[in-house]
Each structure stands twice: as C-alpha cells, then as structure tokens.
PDB file of N, CA and C in Angstrom:
ATOM      1  N   MET A   1      87.603  89.735  67.930  1.00  0.00           N
ATOM      2  CA  MET A   1      86.665  89.299  66.912  1.00  0.00           C
ATOM      3  C   MET A   1      86.932  90.070  65.620  1.00  0.00           C
ATOM      4  N   ILE A   2      86.984  89.349  64.554  1.00  0.00           N
ATOM      5  CA  ILE A   2      87.277  89.944  63.257  1.00  0.00           C
ATOM      6  C   ILE A   2      86.135  90.848  62.801  1.00  0.00           C
ATOM      7  N   ARG A   3      84.903  90.442  63.083  1.00  0.00           N
ATOM      8  CA  ARG A   3      83.767  91.256  62.650  1.00  0.00           C
ATOM      9  C   ARG A   3      83.754  92.601  63.359  1.00  0.00           C
ATOM     10  N   PHE A   4      84.061  92.603  64.664  1.00  0.00           N
ATOM     11  CA  PHE A   4      84.109  93.863  65.400  1.00  0.00           C
ATOM     12  C   PHE A   4      85.221  94.756  64.865  1.00  0.00           C
ATOM     13  N   ARG A   5      86.362  94.168  64.558  1.00  0.00           N
ATOM     14  CA  ARG A   5      87.477  94.942  64.012  1.00  0.00           C
ATOM     15  C   ARG A   5      87.095  95.529  62.652  1.00  0.00           C
ATOM     16  N   PHE A   6      86.365  94.750  61.857  1.00  0.00           N
ATOM     17  CA  PHE A   6      85.906  95.242  60.556  1.00  0.00           C
ATOM     18  C   PHE A   6      85.001  96.457  60.734  1.00  0.00           C
ATOM     19  N   VAL A   7      84.060  96.360  61.654  1.00  0.00           N
ATOM     20  CA  VAL A   7      83.145  97.478  61.904  1.00  0.00           C
ATOM     21  C   VAL A   7      83.945  98.688  62.379  1.00  0.00           C
ATOM     22  N   ASP A   8      84.899  98.471  63.250  1.00  0.00           N
ATOM     23  CA  ASP A   8      85.707  99.569  63.783  1.00  0.00           C
ATOM     24  C   ASP A   8      86.541 100.235  62.686  1.00  0.00           C
ATOM     25  N   ASP A   9      87.073  99.442  61.778  1.00  0.00           N
ATOM     26  CA  ASP A   9      87.891  99.981  60.690  1.00  0.00           C
ATOM     27  C   ASP A   9      87.068 100.788  59.685  1.00  0.00           C
ATOM     28  N   HIS A  10      85.803 100.423  59.507  1.00  0.00           N
ATOM     29  CA  HIS A  10      84.977 101.057  58.472  1.00  0.00           C
ATOM     30  C   HIS A  10      83.875 101.947  59.033  1.00  0.00           C
ATOM     31  N   ARG A  11      83.938 102.289  60.296  1.00  0.00           N
ATOM     32  CA  ARG A  11      82.851 103.082  60.882  1.00  0.00           C
ATOM     33  C   ARG A  11      82.833 104.522  60.398  1.00  0.00           C
ATOM     34  N   ASP A  12      83.936 104.984  59.809  1.00  0.00           N
ATOM     35  CA  ASP A  12      83.957 106.346  59.262  1.00  0.00           C
ATOM     36  C   ASP A  12      83.283 106.425  57.898  1.00  0.00           C
ATOM     37  N   THR A  13      83.214 105.299  57.193  1.00  0.00           N
ATOM     38  CA  THR A  13      82.622 105.318  55.855  1.00  0.00           C
ATOM     39  C   THR A  13      81.195 104.773  55.813  1.00  0.00           C
ATOM     40  N   HIS A  14      80.840 103.933  56.784  1.00  0.00           N
ATOM     41  CA  HIS A  14      79.491 103.343  56.814  1.00  0.00           C
ATOM     42  C   HIS A  14      78.907 103.483  58.210  1.00  0.00           C
ATOM     43  N   GLU A  15      77.590 103.391  58.304  1.00  0.00           N
ATOM     44  CA  GLU A  15      76.925 103.451  59.599  1.00  0.00           C
ATOM     45  C   GLU A  15      77.206 102.185  60.392  1.00  0.00           C
ATOM     46  N   VAL A  16      77.455 102.359  61.675  1.00  0.00           N
ATOM     47  CA  VAL A  16      77.710 101.216  62.547  1.00  0.00           C
ATOM     48  C   VAL A  16      76.460 100.341  62.623  1.00  0.00           C
ATOM     49  N   LYS A  17      75.305 100.969  62.709  1.00  0.00           N
ATOM     50  CA  LYS A  17      74.049 100.223  62.804  1.00  0.00           C
ATOM     51  C   LYS A  17      73.860  99.313  61.595  1.00  0.00           C
ATOM     52  N   ARG A  18      74.106  99.836  60.396  1.00  0.00           N
ATOM     53  CA  ARG A  18      73.920  99.054  59.174  1.00  0.00           C
ATOM     54  C   ARG A  18      74.920  97.902  59.113  1.00  0.00           C
ATOM     55  N   MET A  19      76.191  98.174  59.431  1.00  0.00           N
ATOM     56  CA  MET A  19      77.209  97.112  59.373  1.00  0.00           C
ATOM     57  C   MET A  19      76.911  96.003  60.374  1.00  0.00           C
ATOM     58  N   CYS A  20      76.472  96.389  61.560  1.00  0.00           N
ATOM     59  CA  CYS A  20      76.146  95.376  62.566  1.00  0.00           C
ATOM     60  C   CYS A  20      74.975  94.517  62.117  1.00  0.00           C
ATOM     61  N   THR A  21      73.998  95.129  61.488  1.00  0.00           N
ATOM     62  CA  THR A  21      72.856  94.379  60.978  1.00  0.00           C
ATOM     63  C   THR A  21      73.289  93.412  59.886  1.00  0.00           C
ATOM     64  N   VAL A  22      74.102  93.879  58.962  1.00  0.00           N
ATOM     65  CA  VAL A  22      74.555  93.047  57.849  1.00  0.00           C
ATOM     66  C   VAL A  22      75.424  91.897  58.352  1.00  0.00           C
ATOM     67  N   LEU A  23      76.285  92.179  59.321  1.00  0.00           N
ATOM     68  CA  LEU A  23      77.196  91.153  59.842  1.00  0.00           C
ATOM     69  C   LEU A  23      76.549  90.250  60.888  1.00  0.00           C
ATOM     70  N   GLY A  24      75.359  90.618  61.335  1.00  0.00           N
ATOM     71  CA  GLY A  24      74.642  89.784  62.292  1.00  0.00           C
ATOM     72  C   GLY A  24      75.177  89.877  63.703  1.00  0.00           C
ATOM     73  N   ILE A  25      75.650  91.045  64.090  1.00  0.00           N
ATOM     74  CA  ILE A  25      76.127  91.245  65.463  1.00  0.00           C
ATOM     75  C   ILE A  25      75.314  92.354  66.114  1.00  0.00           C
ATOM     76  N   HIS A  26      75.289  92.359  67.422  1.00  0.00           N
ATOM     77  CA  HIS A  26      74.570  93.386  68.160  1.00  0.00           C
ATOM     78  C   HIS A  26      75.455  94.616  68.313  1.00  0.00           C
ATOM     79  N   ARG A  27      74.840  95.782  68.171  1.00  0.00           N
ATOM     80  CA  ARG A  27      75.613  97.018  68.338  1.00  0.00           C
ATOM     81  C   ARG A  27      76.185  97.120  69.741  1.00  0.00           C
ATOM     82  N   SER A  28      75.421  96.701  70.731  1.00  0.00           N
ATOM     83  CA  SER A  28      75.909  96.788  72.106  1.00  0.00           C
ATOM     84  C   SER A  28      77.150  95.916  72.307  1.00  0.00           C
ATOM     85  N   SER A  29      77.194  94.780  71.634  1.00  0.00           N
ATOM     86  CA  SER A  29      78.380  93.921  71.715  1.00  0.00           C
ATOM     87  C   SER A  29      79.585  94.602  71.088  1.00  0.00           C
ATOM     88  N   TYR A  30      79.363  95.279  69.969  1.00  0.00           N
ATOM     89  CA  TYR A  30      80.450  96.009  69.322  1.00  0.00           C
ATOM     90  C   TYR A  30      80.979  97.107  70.239  1.00  0.00           C
ATOM     91  N   TYR A  31      80.077  97.879  70.840  1.00  0.00           N
ATOM     92  CA  TYR A  31      80.520  98.977  71.699  1.00  0.00           C
ATOM     93  C   TYR A  31      81.188  98.455  72.973  1.00  0.00           C
ATOM     94  N   LYS A  32      80.744  97.323  73.469  1.00  0.00           N
ATOM     95  CA  LYS A  32      81.397  96.721  74.635  1.00  0.00           C
ATOM     96  C   LYS A  32      82.811  96.260  74.253  1.00  0.00           C
ATOM     97  N   TRP A  33      82.966  95.648  73.086  1.00  0.00           N
ATOM     98  CA  TRP A  33      84.286  95.241  72.597  1.00  0.00           C
ATOM     99  C   TRP A  33      85.189  96.454  72.444  1.00  0.00           C
ATOM    100  N   ARG A  34      84.640  97.523  71.917  1.00  0.00           N
ATOM    101  CA  ARG A  34      85.425  98.736  71.696  1.00  0.00           C
ATOM    102  C   ARG A  34      85.842  99.366  73.017  1.00  0.00           C
ATOM    103  N   ALA A  35      85.000  99.311  74.025  1.00  0.00           N
ATOM    104  CA  ALA A  35      85.333  99.880  75.337  1.00  0.00           C
ATOM    105  C   ALA A  35      86.445  99.089  76.019  1.00  0.00           C
ATOM    106  N   GLY A  36      86.561  97.806  75.708  1.00  0.00           N
ATOM    107  CA  GLY A  36      87.585  96.969  76.319  1.00  0.00           C
ATOM    108  C   GLY A  36      88.915  96.983  75.592  1.00  0.00           C
ATOM    109  N   LYS A  37      89.048  97.826  74.591  1.00  0.00           N
ATOM    110  CA  LYS A  37      90.265  97.870  73.783  1.00  0.00           C
ATOM    111  C   LYS A  37      91.497  98.231  74.616  1.00  0.00           C
ATOM    112  N   ALA A  38      91.376  99.188  75.507  1.00  0.00           N
ATOM    113  CA  ALA A  38      92.507  99.615  76.341  1.00  0.00           C
ATOM    114  C   ALA A  38      92.942  98.493  77.292  1.00  0.00           C
ATOM    115  N   ALA A  39      91.974  97.779  77.845  1.00  0.00           N
ATOM    116  CA  ALA A  39      92.301  96.681  78.754  1.00  0.00           C
ATOM    117  C   ALA A  39      93.005  95.546  78.008  1.00  0.00           C
ATOM    118  N   ARG A  40      92.569  95.268  76.780  1.00  0.00           N
ATOM    119  CA  ARG A  40      93.228  94.224  75.987  1.00  0.00           C
ATOM    120  C   ARG A  40      94.660  94.610  75.645  1.00  0.00           C
ATOM    121  N   LEU A  41      94.877  95.874  75.329  1.00  0.00           N
ATOM    122  CA  LEU A  41      96.219  96.346  75.008  1.00  0.00           C
ATOM    123  C   LEU A  41      97.134  96.245  76.232  1.00  0.00           C
ATOM    124  N   ALA A  42      96.626  96.625  77.394  1.00  0.00           N
ATOM    125  CA  ALA A  42      97.421  96.532  78.622  1.00  0.00           C
ATOM    126  C   ALA A  42      97.764  95.079  78.933  1.00  0.00           C
ATOM    127  N   ARG A  43      96.823  94.173  78.733  1.00  0.00           N
ATOM    128  CA  ARG A  43      97.067  92.746  78.986  1.00  0.00           C
ATOM    129  C   ARG A  43      98.104  92.193  78.007  1.00  0.00           C
ATOM    130  N   GLN A  44      98.051  92.630  76.753  1.00  0.00           N
ATOM    131  CA  GLN A  44      99.049  92.184  75.771  1.00  0.00           C
ATOM    132  C   GLN A  44     100.438  92.675  76.143  1.00  0.00           C
ATOM    133  N   GLN A  45     100.538  93.906  76.623  1.00  0.00           N
ATOM    134  CA  GLN A  45     101.834  94.436  77.028  1.00  0.00           C
ATOM    135  C   GLN A  45     102.364  93.708  78.259  1.00  0.00           C
ATOM    136  N   ALA A  46     101.496  93.408  79.210  1.00  0.00           N
ATOM    137  CA  ALA A  46     101.908  92.670  80.401  1.00  0.00           C
ATOM    138  C   ALA A  46     102.349  91.258  80.023  1.00  0.00           C
ATOM    139  N   ASP A  47     101.644  90.634  79.093  1.00  0.00           N
ATOM    140  CA  ASP A  47     102.032  89.303  78.626  1.00  0.00           C
ATOM    141  C   ASP A  47     103.387  89.333  77.931  1.00  0.00           C
ATOM    142  N   ALA A  48     103.643  90.379  77.158  1.00  0.00           N
ATOM    143  CA  ALA A  48     104.926  90.492  76.466  1.00  0.00           C
ATOM    144  C   ALA A  48     106.073  90.647  77.462  1.00  0.00           C
ATOM    145  N   ALA A  49     105.848  91.436  78.514  1.00  0.00           N
ATOM    146  CA  ALA A  49     106.873  91.597  79.545  1.00  0.00           C
ATOM    147  C   ALA A  49     107.112  90.282  80.281  1.00  0.00           C
ATOM    148  N   LEU A  50     106.038  89.544  80.537  1.00  0.00           N
ATOM    149  CA  LEU A  50     106.164  88.261  81.226  1.00  0.00           C
ATOM    150  C   LEU A  50     106.883  87.236  80.351  1.00  0.00           C
ATOM    151  N   VAL A  51     106.632  87.267  79.063  1.00  0.00           N
ATOM    152  CA  VAL A  51     107.321  86.354  78.144  1.00  0.00           C
ATOM    153  C   VAL A  51     108.825  86.614  78.167  1.00  0.00           C
ATOM    154  N   ASP A  52     109.213  87.882  78.274  1.00  0.00           N
ATOM    155  CA  ASP A  52     110.643  88.194  78.367  1.00  0.00           C
ATOM    156  C   ASP A  52     111.262  87.582  79.618  1.00  0.00           C
ATOM    157  N   ARG A  53     110.553  87.659  80.740  1.00  0.00           N
ATOM    158  CA  ARG A  53     111.068  87.064  81.981  1.00  0.00           C
ATOM    159  C   ARG A  53     111.095  85.534  81.876  1.00  0.00           C
ATOM    160  N   ILE A  54     110.083  84.950  81.238  1.00  0.00           N
ATOM    161  CA  ILE A  54     110.046  83.500  81.057  1.00  0.00           C
ATOM    162  C   ILE A  54     111.230  83.054  80.206  1.00  0.00           C
ATOM    163  N   ARG A  55     111.497  83.784  79.146  1.00  0.00           N
ATOM    164  CA  ARG A  55     112.638  83.430  78.285  1.00  0.00           C
ATOM    165  C   ARG A  55     113.961  83.541  79.041  1.00  0.00           C
ATOM    166  N   ALA A  56     114.093  84.549  79.882  1.00  0.00           N
ATOM    167  CA  ALA A  56     115.319  84.717  80.661  1.00  0.00           C
ATOM    168  C   ALA A  56     115.518  83.543  81.616  1.00  0.00           C
ATOM    169  N   HIS A  57     114.467  83.154  82.326  1.00  0.00           N
ATOM    170  CA  HIS A  57     114.563  82.010  83.244  1.00  0.00           C
ATOM    171  C   HIS A  57     114.796  80.716  82.472  1.00  0.00           C
ATOM    172  N   HIS A  58     114.153  80.594  81.337  1.00  0.00           N
ATOM    173  CA  HIS A  58     114.296  79.387  80.524  1.00  0.00           C
ATOM    174  C   HIS A  58     115.741  79.245  80.054  1.00  0.00           C
ATOM    175  N   GLN A  59     116.330  80.347  79.654  1.00  0.00           N
ATOM    176  CA  GLN A  59     117.724  80.343  79.217  1.00  0.00           C
ATOM    177  C   GLN A  59     118.649  80.026  80.391  1.00  0.00           C
ATOM    178  N   GLU A  60     118.342  80.601  81.540  1.00  0.00           N
ATOM    179  CA  GLU A  60     119.170  80.401  82.735  1.00  0.00           C
ATOM    180  C   GLU A  60     119.194  78.933  83.173  1.00  0.00           C
ATOM    181  N   TRP A  61     118.086  78.253  83.022  1.00  0.00           N
ATOM    182  CA  TRP A  61     117.980  76.856  83.462  1.00  0.00           C
ATOM    183  C   TRP A  61     118.194  75.874  82.304  1.00  0.00           C
ATOM    184  N   ASP A  62     118.848  76.290  81.250  1.00  0.00           N
ATOM    185  CA  ASP A  62     119.185  75.424  80.107  1.00  0.00           C
ATOM    186  C   ASP A  62     117.975  74.753  79.477  1.00  0.00           C
ATOM    187  N   HIS A  63     116.892  75.498  79.382  1.00  0.00           N
ATOM    188  CA  HIS A  63     115.675  75.036  78.685  1.00  0.00           C
ATOM    189  C   HIS A  63     115.071  73.784  79.325  1.00  0.00           C
ATOM    190  N   THR A  64     115.169  73.672  80.645  1.00  0.00           N
ATOM    191  CA  THR A  64     114.651  72.473  81.313  1.00  0.00           C
ATOM    192  C   THR A  64     113.421  72.737  82.172  1.00  0.00           C
ATOM    193  N   LEU A  65     112.968  73.976  82.262  1.00  0.00           N
ATOM    194  CA  LEU A  65     111.827  74.275  83.120  1.00  0.00           C
ATOM    195  C   LEU A  65     110.507  74.054  82.394  1.00  0.00           C
ATOM    196  N   GLY A  66     109.596  73.384  83.087  1.00  0.00           N
ATOM    197  CA  GLY A  66     108.228  73.281  82.609  1.00  0.00           C
ATOM    198  C   GLY A  66     107.414  74.415  83.189  1.00  0.00           C
ATOM    199  N   TYR A  67     106.130  74.440  82.932  1.00  0.00           N
ATOM    200  CA  TYR A  67     105.323  75.567  83.390  1.00  0.00           C
ATOM    201  C   TYR A  67     105.166  75.595  84.900  1.00  0.00           C
ATOM    202  N   ARG A  68     105.184  74.448  85.571  1.00  0.00           N
ATOM    203  CA  ARG A  68     105.039  74.443  87.031  1.00  0.00           C
ATOM    204  C   ARG A  68     106.276  75.021  87.709  1.00  0.00           C
ATOM    205  N   ARG A  69     107.437  74.559  87.310  1.00  0.00           N
ATOM    206  CA  ARG A  69     108.677  75.083  87.889  1.00  0.00           C
ATOM    207  C   ARG A  69     108.894  76.533  87.464  1.00  0.00           C
ATOM    208  N   MET A  70     108.480  76.859  86.260  1.00  0.00           N
ATOM    209  CA  MET A  70     108.597  78.236  85.795  1.00  0.00           C
ATOM    210  C   MET A  70     107.730  79.159  86.636  1.00  0.00           C
ATOM    211  N   THR A  71     106.546  78.723  87.001  1.00  0.00           N
ATOM    212  CA  THR A  71     105.664  79.517  87.852  1.00  0.00           C
ATOM    213  C   THR A  71     106.320  79.767  89.200  1.00  0.00           C
ATOM    214  N   ALA A  72     106.970  78.745  89.750  1.00  0.00           N
ATOM    215  CA  ALA A  72     107.667  78.909  91.024  1.00  0.00           C
ATOM    216  C   ALA A  72     108.830  79.896  90.885  1.00  0.00           C
ATOM    217  N   GLU A  73     109.561  79.827  89.786  1.00  0.00           N
ATOM    218  CA  GLU A  73     110.664  80.765  89.559  1.00  0.00           C
ATOM    219  C   GLU A  73     110.146  82.194  89.430  1.00  0.00           C
ATOM    220  N   LEU A  74     109.031  82.370  88.737  1.00  0.00           N
ATOM    221  CA  LEU A  74     108.467  83.709  88.565  1.00  0.00           C
ATOM    222  C   LEU A  74     107.934  84.258  89.877  1.00  0.00           C
ATOM    223  N   ALA A  75     107.466  83.383  90.758  1.00  0.00           N
ATOM    224  CA  ALA A  75     106.981  83.830  92.066  1.00  0.00           C
ATOM    225  C   ALA A  75     108.130  84.395  92.899  1.00  0.00           C
ATOM    226  N   ASP A  76     109.342  83.865  92.705  1.00  0.00           N
ATOM    227  CA  ASP A  76     110.515  84.350  93.438  1.00  0.00           C
ATOM    228  C   ASP A  76     111.194  85.529  92.756  1.00  0.00           C
ATOM    229  N   ASP A  77     110.797  85.844  91.548  1.00  0.00           N
ATOM    230  CA  ASP A  77     111.429  86.912  90.765  1.00  0.00           C
ATOM    231  C   ASP A  77     110.859  88.266  91.178  1.00  0.00           C
ATOM    232  N   ASP A  78     111.741  89.182  91.569  1.00  0.00           N
ATOM    233  CA  ASP A  78     111.299  90.517  91.986  1.00  0.00           C
ATOM    234  C   ASP A  78     110.880  91.388  90.811  1.00  0.00           C
ATOM    235  N   ALA A  79     111.317  91.054  89.610  1.00  0.00           N
ATOM    236  CA  ALA A  79     110.967  91.846  88.426  1.00  0.00           C
ATOM    237  C   ALA A  79     109.545  91.594  87.952  1.00  0.00           C
ATOM    238  N   VAL A  80     108.921  90.538  88.466  1.00  0.00           N
ATOM    239  CA  VAL A  80     107.547  90.205  88.064  1.00  0.00           C
ATOM    240  C   VAL A  80     106.598  90.751  89.130  1.00  0.00           C
ATOM    241  N   PRO A  81     105.746  91.721  88.755  1.00  0.00           N
ATOM    242  CA  PRO A  81     104.822  92.283  89.740  1.00  0.00           C
ATOM    243  C   PRO A  81     103.668  91.332  90.041  1.00  0.00           C
ATOM    244  N   GLY A  82     103.362  91.151  91.303  1.00  0.00           N
ATOM    245  CA  GLY A  82     102.237  90.320  91.704  1.00  0.00           C
ATOM    246  C   GLY A  82     102.501  88.837  91.518  1.00  0.00           C
ATOM    247  N   THR A  83     101.416  88.090  91.511  1.00  0.00           N
ATOM    248  CA  THR A  83     101.523  86.647  91.331  1.00  0.00           C
ATOM    249  C   THR A  83     101.170  86.278  89.893  1.00  0.00           C
ATOM    250  N   VAL A  84     101.652  85.121  89.477  1.00  0.00           N
ATOM    251  CA  VAL A  84     101.389  84.641  88.123  1.00  0.00           C
ATOM    252  C   VAL A  84     100.782  83.251  88.232  1.00  0.00           C
ATOM    253  N   ASN A  85      99.679  83.044  87.571  1.00  0.00           N
ATOM    254  CA  ASN A  85      98.989  81.762  87.573  1.00  0.00           C
ATOM    255  C   ASN A  85      99.709  80.783  86.641  1.00  0.00           C
ATOM    256  N   HIS A  86      99.736  79.506  87.036  1.00  0.00           N
ATOM    257  CA  HIS A  86     100.408  78.502  86.205  1.00  0.00           C
ATOM    258  C   HIS A  86      99.723  78.327  84.852  1.00  0.00           C
ATOM    259  N   LYS A  87      98.437  78.587  84.777  1.00  0.00           N
ATOM    260  CA  LYS A  87      97.735  78.485  83.496  1.00  0.00           C
ATOM    261  C   LYS A  87      98.184  79.573  82.534  1.00  0.00           C
ATOM    262  N   ARG A  88      98.445  80.754  83.067  1.00  0.00           N
ATOM    263  CA  ARG A  88      98.939  81.845  82.220  1.00  0.00           C
ATOM    264  C   ARG A  88     100.346  81.528  81.709  1.00  0.00           C
ATOM    265  N   VAL A  89     101.184  80.981  82.584  1.00  0.00           N
ATOM    266  CA  VAL A  89     102.537  80.599  82.157  1.00  0.00           C
ATOM    267  C   VAL A  89     102.469  79.537  81.078  1.00  0.00           C
ATOM    268  N   ALA A  90     101.607  78.562  81.225  1.00  0.00           N
ATOM    269  CA  ALA A  90     101.461  77.499  80.218  1.00  0.00           C
ATOM    270  C   ALA A  90     100.964  78.078  78.895  1.00  0.00           C
ATOM    271  N   ARG A  91     100.057  79.034  78.951  1.00  0.00           N
ATOM    272  CA  ARG A  91      99.528  79.647  77.727  1.00  0.00           C
ATOM    273  C   ARG A  91     100.596  80.431  76.988  1.00  0.00           C
ATOM    274  N   LEU A  92     101.404  81.159  77.756  1.00  0.00           N
ATOM    275  CA  LEU A  92     102.432  81.980  77.123  1.00  0.00           C
ATOM    276  C   LEU A  92     103.589  81.138  76.650  1.00  0.00           C
TER     277      LEU A  92
END
C-alpha cells in the first residue's frame, strides 16, 4: 500500500498517529503492514528464484510450455524446494 509506505518513509519527521488520521488509515493496520515487511521480502526473493527456474525451463522447451506443463516440470525439478501451485506459476 502506498499510504503505508508513505507513513513509513516519513515517520521520523511526523507523528504516525497524525499521518494515519490525515490519510484515513488505522494505525493498527499500518503496524500490521510493517510487521509483515520481512515476510513480503522473503516471498519476493522466492518468486525471483522461481522465475529464474521458469525461464530456464521455458528456454529448454523452446518457449512452448504453458503454466500447466510448467508446473509439472517444476514439480520434477530438484532445484525447486517444495511444491509450486499452478496459480503461482501463471502469476509469475
């Protein structure tokens, strides 16, 4: 959320309570967003690693794999930890 990022960027110069009131957001929502920052960063890094594997498989199969076949290829790939949902592959 852009508003939460704005509050986070300016919290050293202005009160968080005042900015949240002016922007019309709840302070608890801001603090919950801020607490989830590490999890979002980890998910972005995992997505970036998965995109690299998707590109490698896509190149290997001459750009002919769709998300369903790509999901099956990733399930057989030892470099990909765990399972990957077809919706995540389609999104990436």
